[in-house]
Each structure stands twice: as C-alpha cells, then as structure tokens.
Amino acid sequence: MKLIVAIFSIIIINSTLVLAKSPTLVSPQWLKENLAKVVLIDLSDQAQYQQFHLPNAIYVNYQWLIKPQDGLALSGGTKHMQKILSQLGINQQDHLVIYDNMGNLNSSRLYWELMKLNHPKVSMLDGGLISWVLASYPVTQEKTNYKKTNYKINKADFTDKYTANKEEVFASINDKNTILLDTRSKAEYFGNPKNKTRQTGHIPTAIFFPWEVAVDIKNGFRQKNDQKITIFLNSLKITDKNKQIIAYCNSGHRASRVFTLLKSKGFKNIKLYDASMQEWELSANNPLKIGMKP
C-alpha cells in the first residue's frame, strides 16, 4: 500500500512539474496541432476581433484587466482577475494560449496577471494573430460561446513575487543587486529639460530598454531570435538570470512585454512596477534624471 501511495505521489509531483513548465511562447504550427487541447484568448482590439480571429478564441478587452485606484490605472488584483476569468468561462486546469495583433503587447499584461495567480499552464502565441495569418492558418468571424465558471484561485499567490511597489523601486536605485529597466521610448527616457510643469526623465540608474526590442516586425511580429536578444542583453550587461530585475514604463503596459521577454529567456527574478511613472512622477521627492545615461 505504501508503495502505491509513493508511486501516486511521484505521478502527482511530475504532473505538477509538467504544468509549471508550459512554454512562454508557442509557435503557430504548435498551436494548430494543439488547438483542441487549449483555450484561446484574443486581446486584439475589438474591431479586429469582429473582423476575424482564431477559431474558438475568447475576446478580452485590455481595459478589463485594469482597475483605477486613487487616480492610477493599476492591476485589479486577485479577486478582480478571478471574477474576470470566471465570467469568461476559464478554469484553472485550462492551458491558456493568449495572443493579440500588437506583437503580444496586450497579451503580456494578461500573462503577468496569470503568473501572479500561479495559473499552471499559460503561453503566448509567438507573433500573435499576424504570424498565424502569415502561416495561412484558418480564422473565423464566429463569436465564441462559453459558460461562466467559478475560477479557483491557487493557494500560492505570486503577486509579491512579480510586483514591485514604489518603495522597492526607490531602494533599488542604490542597490547593485537590482537592475532597473525603463521600457519607454527614447524621448520619454531622455526627458524634457524645458518642461517646468511636471517631473520628467527616468529613474536614476534605470537602463534604457525599449519594449520594441522584443519584436521582430519583419518576421511576422514574432519575438526576436535568441541570438539577437542575447547580443542586446550582453550589450547592457544583463546576463545574470538570477539577479532581480524591475521593469517599468508609464502604466505597466509596455513593461509587461519586457517581463514576458525575460521570462521566455529564463530570467527567474523579474518584477513589474505596476504603477510605474504615473505614480513616480507625482512626487518631487522621487528623483528623476534627464539624459541618456542611467
């Protein structure tokens, strides 16, 4: 009897490990071969979804992921996401494959939310809708029907593991063990010395890391290949995959795409500053630096 229990325990443990290792990105070919085994979520704009989308894909508006708090556009948190996923008919055991038509910019935000929930199996379609269409795979205009569920929250909540607050960001300025990444545009990072009405520039020590470096526009909006990403990371001396990294932008939108990029490359300690510059710029006590030097 003890032997049977031990064997059963090993099976459960191995199954859990398999679930936890679902790839961050899956190819259009992989998805076509596994359509019947996954639940698709489309985060393209609504007009695009109505025009055409992947078969049986469930539409999700990006704004559904956001819950304004104290004038800031922030994550709605665990209970909010539980409600959203339940309304969409999602179960915790579903292998979710999410995509959009923007190089997985919107999808990355939902990926981050699902990582916080410790959802066992979640992936993004590499290149999203564009790479799927370029592969000449089928699309449809039919709206996907689903029934509401009661999404079960995993006991292990990873919100703190994947989210940085203002205090953590402030402390990281003088912490050599933490890397700050500013994922906004060059103009935003540089700042405007003539702007006297508001704070401008980047958080001191933050490295300029525009989110677009993740996307290969000439290759169906797929993520850039390993060699190009590795060269870019090496140029910034971002090589230690165990070192803490905090990514930010204006509202956590663009930074989430860098979060998924680093996740897909095996970085283990990545956080998203959800409130980002929309919060940081509110106080003159929060330092900002103008120019292209960290």
Protein backbone atom coordinates (compact mmCIF):
# COMPACT_ATOMS: atom_id res chain seq x y z
CA MET A 1 0.00 0.00 0.00
CA LYS A 2 2.82 2.40 0.92
CA LEU A 3 4.49 1.65 -2.42
CA ILE A 4 1.28 2.52 -4.29
CA VAL A 5 0.94 5.79 -2.37
CA ALA A 6 4.58 6.65 -3.10
CA ILE A 7 4.16 5.95 -6.82
CA PHE A 8 0.97 8.00 -6.91
CA SER A 9 2.74 10.89 -5.16
CA ILE A 10 5.54 10.79 -7.72
CA ILE A 11 3.00 10.92 -10.54
CA ILE A 12 1.29 13.95 -8.97
CA ILE A 13 4.62 15.75 -8.45
CA ASN A 14 5.76 15.04 -12.00
CA SER A 15 2.41 16.21 -13.37
CA THR A 16 2.74 19.46 -11.45
CA LEU A 17 6.23 19.97 -12.84
CA VAL A 18 4.95 19.44 -16.39
CA LEU A 19 2.21 22.00 -15.84
CA ALA A 20 4.65 24.52 -14.44
CA LYS A 21 6.92 24.20 -17.46
CA SER A 22 4.46 25.26 -20.15
CA PRO A 23 6.47 27.42 -22.59
CA THR A 24 6.12 31.19 -22.52
CA LEU A 25 5.87 31.20 -26.33
CA VAL A 26 4.37 28.65 -28.71
CA SER A 27 4.68 28.69 -32.50
CA PRO A 28 1.72 28.94 -34.90
CA GLN A 29 2.46 25.37 -36.03
CA TRP A 30 2.40 24.06 -32.47
CA LEU A 31 -0.87 25.84 -31.80
CA LYS A 32 -2.51 24.50 -34.97
CA GLU A 33 -1.60 20.96 -33.90
CA ASN A 34 -2.91 21.52 -30.36
CA LEU A 35 -5.99 23.70 -30.90
CA ALA A 36 -8.30 21.14 -29.35
CA LYS A 37 -6.20 20.97 -26.17
CA VAL A 38 -6.03 24.68 -25.30
CA VAL A 39 -8.25 27.66 -24.57
CA LEU A 40 -7.52 30.70 -26.74
CA ILE A 41 -7.80 34.30 -25.53
CA ASP A 42 -7.67 37.18 -28.02
CA LEU A 43 -6.56 40.60 -26.73
CA SER A 44 -6.61 42.37 -30.10
CA ASP A 45 -8.80 45.46 -30.38
CA GLN A 46 -12.50 44.69 -30.65
CA ALA A 47 -12.79 45.82 -34.28
CA GLN A 48 -10.09 43.33 -35.26
CA TYR A 49 -11.75 40.52 -33.31
CA GLN A 50 -15.07 41.20 -35.04
CA GLN A 51 -13.36 41.20 -38.44
CA PHE A 52 -11.63 37.85 -37.83
CA HIS A 53 -9.88 35.88 -35.09
CA LEU A 54 -8.59 32.39 -34.38
CA PRO A 55 -11.23 29.64 -34.15
CA ASN A 56 -12.90 29.48 -30.71
CA ALA A 57 -10.86 32.39 -29.35
CA ILE A 58 -12.45 34.27 -26.43
CA TYR A 59 -12.31 38.05 -26.72
CA VAL A 60 -10.80 40.04 -23.84
CA ASN A 61 -10.64 43.82 -23.76
CA TYR A 62 -7.31 45.05 -22.36
CA GLN A 63 -9.14 47.58 -20.20
CA TRP A 64 -10.89 44.75 -18.36
CA LEU A 65 -7.53 43.98 -16.74
CA ILE A 66 -7.25 47.49 -15.28
CA LYS A 67 -8.98 48.86 -12.19
CA PRO A 68 -8.45 52.59 -11.49
CA GLN A 69 -7.25 53.20 -7.93
CA ASP A 70 -6.54 56.64 -6.46
CA GLY A 71 -6.36 58.08 -9.96
CA LEU A 72 -3.89 55.44 -11.17
CA ALA A 73 -4.51 52.70 -13.75
CA LEU A 74 -3.48 49.56 -11.86
CA SER A 75 -3.98 45.84 -11.75
CA GLY A 76 -7.34 44.94 -10.29
CA GLY A 77 -5.71 42.26 -8.16
CA THR A 78 -6.51 38.66 -7.39
CA LYS A 79 -10.26 38.95 -6.75
CA HIS A 80 -10.77 41.15 -9.80
CA MET A 81 -9.00 38.66 -12.07
CA GLN A 82 -10.89 35.77 -10.50
CA LYS A 83 -14.14 37.49 -11.44
CA ILE A 84 -12.97 38.23 -15.00
CA LEU A 85 -11.76 34.67 -15.62
CA SER A 86 -14.94 33.19 -14.17
CA GLN A 87 -17.09 35.35 -16.45
CA LEU A 88 -15.01 34.19 -19.42
CA GLY A 89 -15.59 30.54 -18.60
CA ILE A 90 -11.96 29.85 -17.69
CA ASN A 91 -10.95 27.02 -15.37
CA GLN A 92 -7.66 26.74 -13.53
CA GLN A 93 -6.76 23.50 -15.30
CA ASP A 94 -7.09 25.10 -18.77
CA HIS A 95 -3.93 25.54 -20.81
CA LEU A 96 -4.41 29.15 -21.91
CA VAL A 97 -2.81 30.45 -25.09
CA ILE A 98 -3.15 34.21 -25.39
CA TYR A 99 -2.43 36.48 -28.34
CA ASP A 100 -3.14 39.87 -29.91
CA ASN A 101 -2.28 41.77 -33.09
CA MET A 102 0.32 44.04 -31.45
CA GLY A 103 3.40 41.86 -31.03
CA ASN A 104 1.93 40.44 -27.79
CA LEU A 105 1.94 43.83 -26.08
CA ASN A 106 -1.57 43.38 -24.65
CA SER A 107 -1.12 39.64 -24.16
CA SER A 108 1.90 40.21 -21.96
CA ARG A 109 -0.17 42.13 -19.43
CA LEU A 110 -2.57 39.20 -19.09
CA TYR A 111 0.37 36.79 -18.97
CA TRP A 112 1.74 38.76 -15.99
CA GLU A 113 -1.66 38.66 -14.29
CA LEU A 114 -1.86 34.89 -14.78
CA MET A 115 1.67 34.44 -13.45
CA LYS A 116 0.61 36.28 -10.29
CA LEU A 117 -2.34 33.90 -9.96
CA ASN A 118 0.06 30.97 -10.41
CA HIS A 119 -2.09 29.64 -13.25
CA PRO A 120 -0.47 26.26 -14.06
CA LYS A 121 -0.40 26.44 -17.86
CA VAL A 122 -0.26 29.66 -19.85
CA SER A 123 1.54 30.51 -23.09
CA MET A 124 1.53 33.24 -25.73
CA LEU A 125 1.28 32.68 -29.47
CA ASP A 126 4.61 33.88 -30.87
CA GLY A 127 3.78 36.71 -33.29
CA GLY A 128 0.12 36.58 -32.33
CA LEU A 129 -2.59 36.99 -34.94
CA ILE A 130 -0.14 38.28 -37.56
CA SER A 131 2.12 35.22 -37.55
CA TRP A 132 -0.95 32.95 -37.59
CA VAL A 133 -2.36 34.68 -40.68
CA LEU A 134 1.02 34.70 -42.43
CA ALA A 135 1.15 30.94 -41.92
CA SER A 136 -2.19 30.72 -43.82
CA TYR A 137 -3.95 29.07 -40.89
CA PRO A 138 -7.75 29.41 -40.55
CA VAL A 139 -9.56 32.36 -39.00
CA THR A 140 -13.23 32.99 -38.36
CA GLN A 141 -15.78 35.71 -37.65
CA GLU A 142 -17.88 33.47 -35.43
CA LYS A 143 -18.24 34.63 -31.84
CA THR A 144 -17.08 32.07 -29.31
CA ASN A 145 -19.71 30.80 -26.88
CA TYR A 146 -18.77 29.86 -23.33
CA LYS A 147 -20.37 29.26 -19.94
CA LYS A 148 -19.43 31.07 -16.75
CA THR A 149 -17.30 29.14 -14.29
CA ASN A 150 -16.02 29.57 -10.77
CA TYR A 151 -12.31 30.11 -11.32
CA LYS A 152 -10.41 28.65 -8.38
CA ILE A 153 -7.56 30.74 -7.01
CA ASN A 154 -4.35 28.81 -6.46
CA LYS A 155 -3.25 28.79 -2.83
CA ALA A 156 0.19 30.07 -3.83
CA ASP A 157 -0.34 33.73 -4.79
CA PHE A 158 2.70 35.16 -6.61
CA THR A 159 1.61 38.82 -6.56
CA ASP A 160 4.53 39.89 -4.37
CA LYS A 161 6.96 37.76 -6.35
CA TYR A 162 6.14 39.50 -9.63
CA THR A 163 5.13 43.02 -8.49
CA ALA A 164 7.32 45.89 -7.29
CA ASN A 165 6.00 48.89 -5.38
CA LYS A 166 7.35 52.43 -5.15
CA GLU A 167 9.38 51.69 -2.02
CA GLU A 168 11.14 48.77 -3.69
CA VAL A 169 11.94 50.88 -6.73
CA PHE A 170 13.30 53.68 -4.56
CA ALA A 171 15.50 51.22 -2.67
CA SER A 172 16.76 49.69 -5.93
CA ILE A 173 18.37 52.98 -7.03
CA ASN A 174 21.29 52.31 -4.72
CA ASP A 175 21.12 48.54 -4.83
CA LYS A 176 23.74 46.93 -7.07
CA ASN A 177 21.86 43.63 -6.84
CA THR A 178 18.82 45.03 -8.66
CA ILE A 179 18.54 46.12 -12.29
CA LEU A 180 16.00 48.81 -13.19
CA LEU A 181 14.69 48.80 -16.78
CA ASP A 182 12.90 51.75 -18.39
CA THR A 183 10.88 50.29 -21.29
CA ARG A 184 9.51 53.57 -22.67
CA SER A 185 10.57 55.49 -25.78
CA LYS A 186 13.91 57.25 -26.12
CA ALA A 187 12.24 60.67 -25.81
CA GLU A 188 10.47 59.68 -22.62
CA TYR A 189 13.63 58.22 -21.13
CA PHE A 190 15.71 61.29 -22.04
CA GLY A 191 13.18 63.72 -20.61
CA ASN A 192 12.41 67.33 -21.45
CA PRO A 193 14.63 69.91 -19.68
CA LYS A 194 12.26 72.71 -20.77
CA ASN A 195 9.22 71.16 -19.10
CA LYS A 196 8.82 73.06 -15.83
CA THR A 197 5.27 71.90 -15.09
CA ARG A 198 5.99 68.27 -14.25
CA GLN A 199 8.69 65.76 -13.41
CA THR A 200 10.46 64.41 -16.49
CA GLY A 201 13.20 61.93 -17.39
CA HIS A 202 13.95 58.47 -15.99
CA ILE A 203 14.53 56.95 -12.58
CA PRO A 204 18.25 57.18 -11.72
CA THR A 205 20.26 54.01 -12.57
CA ALA A 206 17.44 52.75 -14.84
CA ILE A 207 18.71 51.24 -18.11
CA PHE A 208 17.05 52.26 -21.37
CA PHE A 209 15.32 49.10 -22.63
CA PRO A 210 12.59 50.00 -25.17
CA TRP A 211 9.92 47.29 -25.29
CA GLU A 212 10.08 47.12 -29.11
CA VAL A 213 13.43 45.32 -28.95
CA ALA A 214 11.42 42.19 -28.19
CA VAL A 215 9.52 42.25 -31.50
CA ASP A 216 10.79 41.29 -34.96
CA ILE A 217 8.42 43.24 -37.21
CA LYS A 218 9.92 41.74 -40.38
CA ASN A 219 9.25 38.23 -39.11
CA GLY A 220 5.51 38.33 -38.53
CA PHE A 221 5.81 40.27 -35.27
CA ARG A 222 7.35 37.25 -33.61
CA GLN A 223 9.81 37.67 -30.78
CA LYS A 224 13.36 38.31 -32.00
CA ASN A 225 15.53 35.23 -32.17
CA ASP A 226 17.73 34.13 -29.30
CA GLN A 227 20.95 35.39 -30.86
CA LYS A 228 19.69 38.96 -31.35
CA ILE A 229 18.20 39.11 -27.86
CA THR A 230 21.36 37.68 -26.30
CA ILE A 231 23.54 40.25 -28.09
CA PHE A 232 21.28 43.05 -26.87
CA LEU A 233 21.24 41.78 -23.28
CA ASN A 234 25.01 41.33 -23.29
CA SER A 235 25.46 44.90 -24.53
CA LEU A 236 23.61 46.06 -21.42
CA LYS A 237 25.48 43.58 -19.19
CA ILE A 238 22.23 41.84 -18.28
CA THR A 239 23.49 38.28 -18.07
CA ASP A 240 22.79 37.01 -14.55
CA LYS A 241 19.43 35.23 -14.78
CA ASN A 242 19.09 35.09 -11.01
CA LYS A 243 19.53 38.81 -10.43
CA GLN A 244 16.46 40.85 -9.53
CA ILE A 245 15.09 42.96 -12.38
CA ILE A 246 12.34 45.59 -12.11
CA ALA A 247 10.75 46.85 -15.33
CA TYR A 248 8.61 49.97 -15.63
CA CYS A 249 7.04 52.30 -18.21
CA ASN A 250 4.14 54.74 -17.74
CA SER A 251 1.45 52.30 -16.59
CA GLY A 252 2.99 48.81 -16.68
CA HIS A 253 1.68 48.13 -20.19
CA ARG A 254 4.91 48.20 -22.19
CA ALA A 255 6.96 46.90 -19.28
CA SER A 256 4.86 43.73 -19.26
CA ARG A 257 6.20 42.87 -22.75
CA VAL A 258 9.74 43.05 -21.40
CA PHE A 259 8.60 40.91 -18.46
CA THR A 260 7.49 38.14 -20.83
CA LEU A 261 10.61 38.52 -22.97
CA LEU A 262 12.87 37.95 -19.97
CA LYS A 263 10.63 35.15 -18.71
CA SER A 264 10.97 33.36 -22.02
CA LYS A 265 14.77 33.67 -21.77
CA GLY A 266 14.92 32.01 -18.38
CA PHE A 267 15.30 35.02 -16.09
CA LYS A 268 13.93 33.98 -12.72
CA ASN A 269 13.56 37.13 -10.63
CA ILE A 270 11.59 39.70 -12.61
CA LYS A 271 9.13 42.22 -11.21
CA LEU A 272 6.80 44.71 -12.85
CA TYR A 273 6.40 48.15 -11.27
CA ASP A 274 2.68 48.27 -11.93
CA ALA A 275 2.13 51.93 -11.01
CA SER A 276 5.26 52.94 -12.96
CA MET A 277 5.81 56.60 -13.94
CA GLN A 278 2.16 57.54 -13.48
CA GLU A 279 2.86 57.23 -9.74
CA TRP A 280 6.58 58.06 -9.60
CA GLU A 281 6.17 61.48 -11.23
CA LEU A 282 3.55 62.59 -8.71
CA SER A 283 6.10 63.39 -6.01
CA ALA A 284 9.07 65.74 -6.29
CA ASN A 285 10.73 63.56 -3.65
CA ASN A 286 11.08 60.77 -6.18
CA PRO A 287 14.29 61.51 -8.11
CA LEU A 288 14.40 61.68 -11.89
CA LYS A 289 17.34 62.09 -14.23
CA ILE A 290 17.49 63.75 -17.65
CA GLY A 291 19.65 62.39 -20.46
CA MET A 292 20.63 59.01 -21.87
CA LYS A 293 22.93 57.94 -19.05
CA PRO A 294 21.44 55.68 -16.35
